[in-house]
Structures are given as C-alpha cells and as structure tokens.
C-alpha cells in the first residue's frame, strides 16, 4: 500500500497507525514499539479526537487506520475510540491490531461495536496458549471480520547508540520507514521506531535524540501537501540510530528487558 498518492488531484494517505496503549501484557523480545519497556500509558481520548479530526482535514482520503499498541485492549476507551474514528472516517478501513490474549474476556457490547463500525480485528498469532478457534467462532457469531496473522520471527533492526549510521541509500528497504507511519499527540512520524524510542531512553537511561524534523506537526496551519510529500520521501534525522546493516530475524520469545534485545 502506498503511503501517499493523489486522487482527483487531492492528497491521500495509504494508512497510519495510532497507539492507544504503549505498554503490553505479553512483552515480545525486541519489539520495535519498545512496548516491554514502556510504563503503563494510554492515549488521551481528547487528544486522539483532535488528531483524528485534523487528519481528515489534511487528507482527501485515508485508506486504512490502524488502532494498536502495545496491546490496545488494555485501554478501556476502545469502544469510543472506534466509534469516533468511524464517525470521522466513514469510508476508511479501520483495523484493530491485537495479540488476541484479551479478546475472549470482552463483553458482548465490544463485539457489537466491532460489527456496527465494520472494524477488522487483526490478531498476531504467537506461541501462546490462546484459544484461537474460540476467538474465530466468537467473531463469526457477531459477524466480525478477523484476520489471523501467522506466527513469525521478529526482524530486529538494532539501535546504534552512537548515532553514526548513514541510511540515505537504505531507506527504501526499511520496513518501518515505509510501512509504519505513526501518529502520536499531533505528531505524524513516517515510522513507529522514532516515537517509541522514548521508552527505550527512559528504561535504559540512553539519549537517542528526536528533533522537530523527525515528524510533522499536523496542527500547524502551514502543513500542506508539498511539505508532506517531501517529508515522506526523505530519511529522518533519527535514522542515524538504526543499524539497518545488522537487521536479523530472531525467534519469538518473551522479553527479558535487556538492552541487547534492541542493540
């Protein structure tokens, strides 16, 4: 899916992700959202509404909006988050990304909300004792579309703490930089790693620096299609911390919260 494209000469966005819970109840080693390192933290609903509304003003259309975490079902505001997102984006695909561990504890109203708002539930299948068959049966009972993402190895793209990487010629091959545009507190990032680095910094007392050039402030009146297109076509200053030469697949396991999982 393209990040940016034009329709009727108006700017459209392929997708963006919004983390409504930054922490997680499963804690995967090497998580590129740094969820195992994050303190309990939820998106503020009023800020979320402001951000979602502004995105509808900037872009003519957005194909897909991903509601995710961490583990989003830890956030008790999920129903009204989904209601509001569908209200503002009546024709966009809205996907709730979850590890599935909390789905069977949800009440009937939750599943009815998914059905009413035409929400797709994307479940990442890990090596956990979760009754995926029952999840599927429950979704079918409420006529909710569910997409099971098969178990996979993590692709580790380690941090270079010295910030000396030159990724100008590698950005086209960076998965996070081309498939994980993330919106957080009015800031639109072209990847999920940059905004999540604050959890890494807080936990390990490191100093990976974000600059105002690493994101777009969507609430600035000066934001326009040319500025957005230029932003999405360039590496971020933060890219200097990502060692793309040492990307490797690692088998899934629970995090021990050691710095070596991210470096």
C-alpha atoms as a PDB file:
ATOM      1  CA  UNK A   1       0.000   0.000   0.000  1.00  0.00           C
ATOM      2  CA  UNK A   2       1.343   3.392  -0.976  1.00  0.00           C
ATOM      3  CA  UNK A   3       1.962   5.882   1.793  1.00  0.00           C
ATOM      4  CA  UNK A   4       0.982   8.868  -0.346  1.00  0.00           C
ATOM      5  CA  UNK A   5      -0.949   9.217  -3.579  1.00  0.00           C
ATOM      6  CA  UNK A   6      -3.237  11.679  -5.334  1.00  0.00           C
ATOM      7  CA  UNK A   7      -6.893  11.210  -6.242  1.00  0.00           C
ATOM      8  CA  UNK A   8      -8.687  13.912  -8.191  1.00  0.00           C
ATOM      9  CA  UNK A   9      -5.544  15.991  -7.644  1.00  0.00           C
ATOM     10  CA  UNK A  10      -6.043  15.781  -3.883  1.00  0.00           C
ATOM     11  CA  UNK A  11      -3.584  14.223  -1.448  1.00  0.00           C
ATOM     12  CA  UNK A  12      -4.475  10.838   0.032  1.00  0.00           C
ATOM     13  CA  UNK A  13      -2.696   8.756   2.664  1.00  0.00           C
ATOM     14  CA  UNK A  14      -2.446   4.999   2.396  1.00  0.00           C
ATOM     15  CA  UNK A  15      -2.526   4.388   6.128  1.00  0.00           C
ATOM     16  CA  UNK A  16      -1.371   5.454   9.543  1.00  0.00           C
ATOM     17  CA  UNK A  17      -1.132   3.798  12.954  1.00  0.00           C
ATOM     18  CA  UNK A  18      -2.219   5.191  16.318  1.00  0.00           C
ATOM     19  CA  UNK A  19      -1.020   3.571  19.545  1.00  0.00           C
ATOM     20  CA  UNK A  20      -3.756   3.814  22.152  1.00  0.00           C
ATOM     21  CA  UNK A  21      -1.767   1.813  24.746  1.00  0.00           C
ATOM     22  CA  UNK A  22       2.000   1.959  24.788  1.00  0.00           C
ATOM     23  CA  UNK A  23       2.588  -0.972  27.131  1.00  0.00           C
ATOM     24  CA  UNK A  24       1.720  -4.622  26.559  1.00  0.00           C
ATOM     25  CA  UNK A  25       0.716  -7.700  28.567  1.00  0.00           C
ATOM     26  CA  UNK A  26       2.814 -10.143  26.501  1.00  0.00           C
ATOM     27  CA  UNK A  27       6.145  -8.354  26.076  1.00  0.00           C
ATOM     28  CA  UNK A  28       7.905  -9.637  22.984  1.00  0.00           C
ATOM     29  CA  UNK A  29      11.696  -9.548  22.875  1.00  0.00           C
ATOM     30  CA  UNK A  30      12.988  -6.871  20.516  1.00  0.00           C
ATOM     31  CA  UNK A  31       9.553  -5.276  19.954  1.00  0.00           C
ATOM     32  CA  UNK A  32      10.090  -2.322  17.610  1.00  0.00           C
ATOM     33  CA  UNK A  33       7.481  -0.363  19.570  1.00  0.00           C
ATOM     34  CA  UNK A  34       9.577  -0.872  22.741  1.00  0.00           C
ATOM     35  CA  UNK A  35       6.347  -1.962  24.463  1.00  0.00           C
ATOM     36  CA  UNK A  36       8.102  -4.183  27.055  1.00  0.00           C
ATOM     37  CA  UNK A  37       9.989  -1.095  28.223  1.00  0.00           C
ATOM     38  CA  UNK A  38       7.027   1.271  28.340  1.00  0.00           C
ATOM     39  CA  UNK A  39       5.344   2.299  31.560  1.00  0.00           C
ATOM     40  CA  UNK A  40       1.573   1.960  31.696  1.00  0.00           C
ATOM     41  CA  UNK A  41       0.418   4.692  29.338  1.00  0.00           C
ATOM     42  CA  UNK A  42      -2.732   5.288  27.318  1.00  0.00           C
ATOM     43  CA  UNK A  43      -3.573   7.741  24.578  1.00  0.00           C
ATOM     44  CA  UNK A  44      -5.622  10.654  25.867  1.00  0.00           C
ATOM     45  CA  UNK A  45      -9.053  10.412  24.228  1.00  0.00           C
ATOM     46  CA  UNK A  46      -9.482  14.172  23.776  1.00  0.00           C
ATOM     47  CA  UNK A  47      -6.084  14.440  22.070  1.00  0.00           C
ATOM     48  CA  UNK A  48      -6.945  11.376  19.978  1.00  0.00           C
ATOM     49  CA  UNK A  49     -10.155  13.041  18.776  1.00  0.00           C
ATOM     50  CA  UNK A  50      -8.336  16.249  17.909  1.00  0.00           C
ATOM     51  CA  UNK A  51      -5.673  14.336  15.964  1.00  0.00           C
ATOM     52  CA  UNK A  52      -8.145  12.155  14.063  1.00  0.00           C
ATOM     53  CA  UNK A  53     -10.267  15.146  13.095  1.00  0.00           C
ATOM     54  CA  UNK A  54      -7.210  17.043  11.864  1.00  0.00           C
ATOM     55  CA  UNK A  55      -6.100  14.110   9.705  1.00  0.00           C
ATOM     56  CA  UNK A  56      -9.496  14.215   7.984  1.00  0.00           C
ATOM     57  CA  UNK A  57      -8.893  17.879   7.170  1.00  0.00           C
ATOM     58  CA  UNK A  58      -5.388  17.382   5.772  1.00  0.00           C
ATOM     59  CA  UNK A  59      -6.037  14.344   3.592  1.00  0.00           C
ATOM     60  CA  UNK A  60      -8.755  13.874   0.987  1.00  0.00           C
ATOM     61  CA  UNK A  61      -8.930  10.174   1.890  1.00  0.00           C
ATOM     62  CA  UNK A  62      -7.101   7.690   4.126  1.00  0.00           C
ATOM     63  CA  UNK A  63      -7.286   4.046   3.097  1.00  0.00           C
ATOM     64  CA  UNK A  64      -6.509   2.375   6.415  1.00  0.00           C
ATOM     65  CA  UNK A  65      -6.292   3.442  10.051  1.00  0.00           C
ATOM     66  CA  UNK A  66      -4.608   1.019  12.439  1.00  0.00           C
ATOM     67  CA  UNK A  67      -5.577   1.164  16.127  1.00  0.00           C
ATOM     68  CA  UNK A  68      -2.819  -0.583  18.009  1.00  0.00           C
ATOM     69  CA  UNK A  69      -0.292  -0.718  20.852  1.00  0.00           C
ATOM     70  CA  UNK A  70       1.428  -2.137  22.836  1.00  0.00           C
ATOM     71  CA  UNK A  71      -1.805  -4.014  23.447  1.00  0.00           C
ATOM     72  CA  UNK A  72      -4.761  -1.733  22.596  1.00  0.00           C
ATOM     73  CA  UNK A  73      -7.325  -3.784  24.518  1.00  0.00           C
ATOM     74  CA  UNK A  74      -5.679  -2.648  27.755  1.00  0.00           C
ATOM     75  CA  UNK A  75      -7.262   0.732  27.007  1.00  0.00           C
ATOM     76  CA  UNK A  76     -10.827   0.918  28.359  1.00  0.00           C
ATOM     77  CA  UNK A  77     -11.643   3.670  25.849  1.00  0.00           C
ATOM     78  CA  UNK A  78     -11.511   1.273  22.874  1.00  0.00           C
ATOM     79  CA  UNK A  79     -15.285   1.405  22.167  1.00  0.00           C
ATOM     80  CA  UNK A  80     -15.492   5.198  21.996  1.00  0.00           C
ATOM     81  CA  UNK A  81     -12.177   5.361  20.109  1.00  0.00           C
ATOM     82  CA  UNK A  82     -13.626   3.066  17.442  1.00  0.00           C
ATOM     83  CA  UNK A  83     -16.947   4.951  17.393  1.00  0.00           C
ATOM     84  CA  UNK A  84     -15.228   8.288  16.873  1.00  0.00           C
ATOM     85  CA  UNK A  85     -12.787   7.015  14.257  1.00  0.00           C
ATOM     86  CA  UNK A  86     -15.632   5.556  12.217  1.00  0.00           C
ATOM     87  CA  UNK A  87     -17.633   8.772  12.576  1.00  0.00           C
ATOM     88  CA  UNK A  88     -14.773  10.863  11.158  1.00  0.00           C
ATOM     89  CA  UNK A  89     -13.700   8.305   8.546  1.00  0.00           C
ATOM     90  CA  UNK A  90     -16.899   6.604   7.318  1.00  0.00           C
ATOM     91  CA  UNK A  91     -15.265   5.040   4.252  1.00  0.00           C
ATOM     92  CA  UNK A  92     -11.789   4.120   5.548  1.00  0.00           C
ATOM     93  CA  UNK A  93     -10.715   0.640   6.580  1.00  0.00           C
ATOM     94  CA  UNK A  94     -10.228   0.566  10.352  1.00  0.00           C
ATOM     95  CA  UNK A  95      -8.166  -2.271  11.805  1.00  0.00           C
ATOM     96  CA  UNK A  96      -7.722  -3.123  15.482  1.00  0.00           C
ATOM     97  CA  UNK A  97      -4.335  -4.824  15.910  1.00  0.00           C
ATOM     98  CA  UNK A  98      -4.113  -7.107  18.959  1.00  0.00           C
ATOM     99  CA  UNK A  99      -2.171 -10.060  20.330  1.00  0.00           C
ATOM    100  CA  UNK A 100      -5.540 -11.708  20.980  1.00  0.00           C
ATOM    101  CA  UNK A 101      -4.966 -12.563  24.631  1.00  0.00           C
ATOM    102  CA  UNK A 102      -7.798 -10.331  25.885  1.00  0.00           C
ATOM    103  CA  UNK A 103     -10.372 -10.916  23.159  1.00  0.00           C
ATOM    104  CA  UNK A 104     -12.290 -13.704  24.888  1.00  0.00           C
ATOM    105  CA  UNK A 105     -12.696 -11.609  28.043  1.00  0.00           C
ATOM    106  CA  UNK A 106     -14.515  -8.866  26.131  1.00  0.00           C
ATOM    107  CA  UNK A 107     -18.226  -8.339  26.681  1.00  0.00           C
ATOM    108  CA  UNK A 108     -20.999  -8.640  24.088  1.00  0.00           C
ATOM    109  CA  UNK A 109     -21.074  -4.843  23.644  1.00  0.00           C
ATOM    110  CA  UNK A 110     -17.458  -4.901  22.455  1.00  0.00           C
ATOM    111  CA  UNK A 111     -18.192  -7.347  19.662  1.00  0.00           C
ATOM    112  CA  UNK A 112     -21.352  -5.459  18.711  1.00  0.00           C
ATOM    113  CA  UNK A 113     -19.268  -2.297  18.472  1.00  0.00           C
ATOM    114  CA  UNK A 114     -16.849  -4.009  16.088  1.00  0.00           C
ATOM    115  CA  UNK A 115     -19.748  -5.163  13.946  1.00  0.00           C
ATOM    116  CA  UNK A 116     -21.529  -1.790  13.967  1.00  0.00           C
ATOM    117  CA  UNK A 117     -18.388   0.102  12.978  1.00  0.00           C
ATOM    118  CA  UNK A 118     -17.191  -2.509  10.475  1.00  0.00           C
ATOM    119  CA  UNK A 119     -13.857  -2.949  12.281  1.00  0.00           C
ATOM    120  CA  UNK A 120     -11.394  -5.622  11.182  1.00  0.00           C
ATOM    121  CA  UNK A 121      -9.580  -7.367  14.037  1.00  0.00           C
ATOM    122  CA  UNK A 122      -6.010  -8.362  13.150  1.00  0.00           C
ATOM    123  CA  UNK A 123      -4.660 -10.965  15.584  1.00  0.00           C
ATOM    124  CA  UNK A 124      -0.945 -11.704  15.641  1.00  0.00           C
ATOM    125  CA  UNK A 125      -0.554 -15.399  16.454  1.00  0.00           C
ATOM    126  CA  UNK A 126       2.297 -16.043  18.882  1.00  0.00           C
ATOM    127  CA  UNK A 127       3.387 -19.238  20.641  1.00  0.00           C
ATOM    128  CA  UNK A 128       0.908 -18.702  23.438  1.00  0.00           C
ATOM    129  CA  UNK A 129      -1.918 -20.725  24.961  1.00  0.00           C
ATOM    130  CA  UNK A 130      -4.754 -18.779  23.378  1.00  0.00           C
ATOM    131  CA  UNK A 131      -7.921 -20.435  22.083  1.00  0.00           C
ATOM    132  CA  UNK A 132      -7.786 -19.035  18.548  1.00  0.00           C
ATOM    133  CA  UNK A 133     -10.569 -21.379  17.451  1.00  0.00           C
ATOM    134  CA  UNK A 134     -12.933 -19.902  20.025  1.00  0.00           C
ATOM    135  CA  UNK A 135     -11.893 -16.376  19.022  1.00  0.00           C
ATOM    136  CA  UNK A 136     -12.789 -17.213  15.425  1.00  0.00           C
ATOM    137  CA  UNK A 137     -16.134 -18.683  16.471  1.00  0.00           C
ATOM    138  CA  UNK A 138     -16.956 -15.619  18.581  1.00  0.00           C
ATOM    139  CA  UNK A 139     -16.084 -13.263  15.726  1.00  0.00           C
ATOM    140  CA  UNK A 140     -18.248 -15.272  13.331  1.00  0.00           C
ATOM    141  CA  UNK A 141     -21.158 -15.182  15.788  1.00  0.00           C
ATOM    142  CA  UNK A 142     -21.066 -11.383  15.798  1.00  0.00           C
ATOM    143  CA  UNK A 143     -20.271 -11.158  12.071  1.00  0.00           C
ATOM    144  CA  UNK A 144     -16.907  -9.516  12.758  1.00  0.00           C
ATOM    145  CA  UNK A 145     -14.100  -9.929  10.260  1.00  0.00           C
ATOM    146  CA  UNK A 146     -10.986 -11.341  11.876  1.00  0.00           C
ATOM    147  CA  UNK A 147      -7.566 -11.676  10.273  1.00  0.00           C
ATOM    148  CA  UNK A 148      -5.095 -14.045  11.926  1.00  0.00           C
ATOM    149  CA  UNK A 149      -1.516 -13.073  11.254  1.00  0.00           C
ATOM    150  CA  UNK A 150       0.561 -16.282  11.346  1.00  0.00           C
ATOM    151  CA  UNK A 151       3.355 -16.772  13.848  1.00  0.00           C
ATOM    152  CA  UNK A 152       6.537 -15.171  12.575  1.00  0.00           C
ATOM    153  CA  UNK A 153      10.080 -14.377  13.591  1.00  0.00           C
ATOM    154  CA  UNK A 154      10.836 -10.812  14.561  1.00  0.00           C
ATOM    155  CA  UNK A 155      13.050  -8.746  12.314  1.00  0.00           C
ATOM    156  CA  UNK A 156      15.489  -6.960  14.580  1.00  0.00           C
ATOM    157  CA  UNK A 157      16.860  -3.635  13.336  1.00  0.00           C
ATOM    158  CA  UNK A 158      19.174  -2.713  16.215  1.00  0.00           C
ATOM    159  CA  UNK A 159      19.901   0.752  17.505  1.00  0.00           C
ATOM    160  CA  UNK A 160      23.341   2.245  17.014  1.00  0.00           C
ATOM    161  CA  UNK A 161      23.592   4.269  20.217  1.00  0.00           C
ATOM    162  CA  UNK A 162      26.326   6.482  18.782  1.00  0.00           C
ATOM    163  CA  UNK A 163      24.016   7.706  16.008  1.00  0.00           C
ATOM    164  CA  UNK A 164      26.579   7.347  13.227  1.00  0.00           C
ATOM    165  CA  UNK A 165      24.553   5.416  10.633  1.00  0.00           C
ATOM    166  CA  UNK A 166      24.190   6.804   7.102  1.00  0.00           C
ATOM    167  CA  UNK A 167      20.881   5.441   5.791  1.00  0.00           C
ATOM    168  CA  UNK A 168      20.281   7.773   2.859  1.00  0.00           C
ATOM    169  CA  UNK A 169      20.603   4.924   0.351  1.00  0.00           C
ATOM    170  CA  UNK A 170      18.895   2.315   2.536  1.00  0.00           C
ATOM    171  CA  UNK A 171      15.638   3.969   3.457  1.00  0.00           C
ATOM    172  CA  UNK A 172      13.818   2.362   0.523  1.00  0.00           C
ATOM    173  CA  UNK A 173      14.488  -1.055   2.099  1.00  0.00           C
ATOM    174  CA  UNK A 174      13.466  -0.095   5.640  1.00  0.00           C
ATOM    175  CA  UNK A 175      10.192  -1.796   6.548  1.00  0.00           C
ATOM    176  CA  UNK A 176       9.394   0.517   9.454  1.00  0.00           C
ATOM    177  CA  UNK A 177      10.223   3.592   7.398  1.00  0.00           C
ATOM    178  CA  UNK A 178       7.871   2.595   4.595  1.00  0.00           C
ATOM    179  CA  UNK A 179       5.063   0.695   6.298  1.00  0.00           C
ATOM    180  CA  UNK A 180       4.605   2.077   9.811  1.00  0.00           C
ATOM    181  CA  UNK A 181       3.586   5.742   9.621  1.00  0.00           C
ATOM    182  CA  UNK A 182       2.580   6.605  13.192  1.00  0.00           C
ATOM    183  CA  UNK A 183       0.537   9.436  14.675  1.00  0.00           C
ATOM    184  CA  UNK A 184       1.074  10.390  18.309  1.00  0.00           C
ATOM    185  CA  UNK A 185      -0.039  13.528  20.157  1.00  0.00           C
ATOM    186  CA  UNK A 186      -0.340  15.598  16.991  1.00  0.00           C
ATOM    187  CA  UNK A 187       2.947  14.395  15.527  1.00  0.00           C
ATOM    188  CA  UNK A 188       2.982  12.300  12.365  1.00  0.00           C
ATOM    189  CA  UNK A 189       6.080  10.088  12.035  1.00  0.00           C
ATOM    190  CA  UNK A 190       6.995   8.083   8.939  1.00  0.00           C
ATOM    191  CA  UNK A 191       7.938   5.145  11.179  1.00  0.00           C
ATOM    192  CA  UNK A 192       6.996   3.641  14.560  1.00  0.00           C
ATOM    193  CA  UNK A 193      10.564   3.336  15.864  1.00  0.00           C
ATOM    194  CA  UNK A 194      11.299   7.043  16.266  1.00  0.00           C
ATOM    195  CA  UNK A 195       8.375   7.901  18.593  1.00  0.00           C
ATOM    196  CA  UNK A 196       8.780   4.632  20.527  1.00  0.00           C
ATOM    197  CA  UNK A 197      12.441   5.362  21.249  1.00  0.00           C
ATOM    198  CA  UNK A 198      11.422   7.441  24.276  1.00  0.00           C
ATOM    199  CA  UNK A 199      10.510   4.210  26.103  1.00  0.00           C
ATOM    200  CA  UNK A 200      13.970   2.852  25.312  1.00  0.00           C
ATOM    201  CA  UNK A 201      15.560   6.068  26.567  1.00  0.00           C
ATOM    202  CA  UNK A 202      13.540   6.105  29.770  1.00  0.00           C
ATOM    203  CA  UNK A 203      14.230   2.469  30.599  1.00  0.00           C
ATOM    204  CA  UNK A 204      17.939   2.305  29.764  1.00  0.00           C
ATOM    205  CA  UNK A 205      18.795   5.974  30.502  1.00  0.00           C
ATOM    206  CA  UNK A 206      20.088   6.497  26.950  1.00  0.00           C
ATOM    207  CA  UNK A 207      19.894   9.639  24.843  1.00  0.00           C
ATOM    208  CA  UNK A 208      18.544   8.855  21.376  1.00  0.00           C
ATOM    209  CA  UNK A 209      17.533  12.316  20.219  1.00  0.00           C
ATOM    210  CA  UNK A 210      14.379  13.284  18.344  1.00  0.00           C
ATOM    211  CA  UNK A 211      14.302  16.585  16.500  1.00  0.00           C
ATOM    212  CA  UNK A 212      11.411  18.610  15.109  1.00  0.00           C
ATOM    213  CA  UNK A 213      12.480  17.357  11.670  1.00  0.00           C
ATOM    214  CA  UNK A 214      11.647  13.769  12.648  1.00  0.00           C
ATOM    215  CA  UNK A 215       7.904  14.400  12.441  1.00  0.00           C
ATOM    216  CA  UNK A 216       5.199  16.649  11.045  1.00  0.00           C
ATOM    217  CA  UNK A 217       3.133  18.708  13.459  1.00  0.00           C
ATOM    218  CA  UNK A 218      -0.289  18.156  11.898  1.00  0.00           C
ATOM    219  CA  UNK A 219      -1.854  21.009  13.850  1.00  0.00           C
ATOM    220  CA  UNK A 220       0.297  23.655  12.219  1.00  0.00           C
ATOM    221  CA  UNK A 221      -1.759  25.611   9.721  1.00  0.00           C
ATOM    222  CA  UNK A 222       1.223  25.672   7.373  1.00  0.00           C
ATOM    223  CA  UNK A 223       1.187  21.906   6.789  1.00  0.00           C
ATOM    224  CA  UNK A 224       0.494  21.322   3.090  1.00  0.00           C
ATOM    225  CA  UNK A 225       0.672  18.517   0.531  1.00  0.00           C
ATOM    226  CA  UNK A 226       4.102  19.529  -0.758  1.00  0.00           C
ATOM    227  CA  UNK A 227       5.579  19.541   2.732  1.00  0.00           C
ATOM    228  CA  UNK A 228       4.013  16.152   3.498  1.00  0.00           C
ATOM    229  CA  UNK A 229       5.242  14.596   0.245  1.00  0.00           C
ATOM    230  CA  UNK A 230       8.770  15.841   0.882  1.00  0.00           C
ATOM    231  CA  UNK A 231       8.718  14.512   4.447  1.00  0.00           C
ATOM    232  CA  UNK A 232       7.685  11.008   3.372  1.00  0.00           C
ATOM    233  CA  UNK A 233      10.343  10.868   0.650  1.00  0.00           C
ATOM    234  CA  UNK A 234      13.322  11.596   2.900  1.00  0.00           C
ATOM    235  CA  UNK A 235      15.143   9.719   5.672  1.00  0.00           C
ATOM    236  CA  UNK A 236      14.554  11.089   9.147  1.00  0.00           C
ATOM    237  CA  UNK A 237      17.383  12.585  11.181  1.00  0.00           C
ATOM    238  CA  UNK A 238      16.576   9.794  13.661  1.00  0.00           C
ATOM    239  CA  UNK A 239      17.529   7.207  11.016  1.00  0.00           C
ATOM    240  CA  UNK A 240      21.138   7.685  12.108  1.00  0.00           C
ATOM    241  CA  UNK A 241      20.367   5.459  15.113  1.00  0.00           C
ATOM    242  CA  UNK A 242      19.058   2.497  13.084  1.00  0.00           C
ATOM    243  CA  UNK A 243      21.677  -0.055  12.085  1.00  0.00           C
ATOM    244  CA  UNK A 244      19.970  -1.483   9.012  1.00  0.00           C
ATOM    245  CA  UNK A 245      23.101  -3.446   8.052  1.00  0.00           C
ATOM    246  CA  UNK A 246      22.620  -5.649  11.099  1.00  0.00           C
ATOM    247  CA  UNK A 247      18.970  -6.498  10.609  1.00  0.00           C
ATOM    248  CA  UNK A 248      18.322 -10.117  11.528  1.00  0.00           C
ATOM    249  CA  UNK A 249      15.424 -12.457  12.115  1.00  0.00           C
ATOM    250  CA  UNK A 250      15.119 -13.574  15.720  1.00  0.00           C
ATOM    251  CA  UNK A 251      12.835 -16.289  17.066  1.00  0.00           C
ATOM    252  CA  UNK A 252       9.906 -15.032  19.104  1.00  0.00           C
ATOM    253  CA  UNK A 253      10.279 -15.148  22.880  1.00  0.00           C
ATOM    254  CA  UNK A 254       9.310 -13.117  25.911  1.00  0.00           C
ATOM    255  CA  UNK A 255      11.460 -10.098  26.626  1.00  0.00           C
ATOM    256  CA  UNK A 256      13.985 -10.149  29.456  1.00  0.00           C
ATOM    257  CA  UNK A 257      14.251  -6.378  29.092  1.00  0.00           C
ATOM    258  CA  UNK A 258      17.945  -6.467  28.304  1.00  0.00           C
ATOM    259  CA  UNK A 259      19.432  -3.713  26.175  1.00  0.00           C
ATOM    260  CA  UNK A 260      20.943  -6.328  23.845  1.00  0.00           C
ATOM    261  CA  UNK A 261      17.436  -7.053  22.540  1.00  0.00           C
ATOM    262  CA  UNK A 262      17.408  -3.614  20.891  1.00  0.00           C
ATOM    263  CA  UNK A 263      21.097  -3.021  20.120  1.00  0.00           C
END
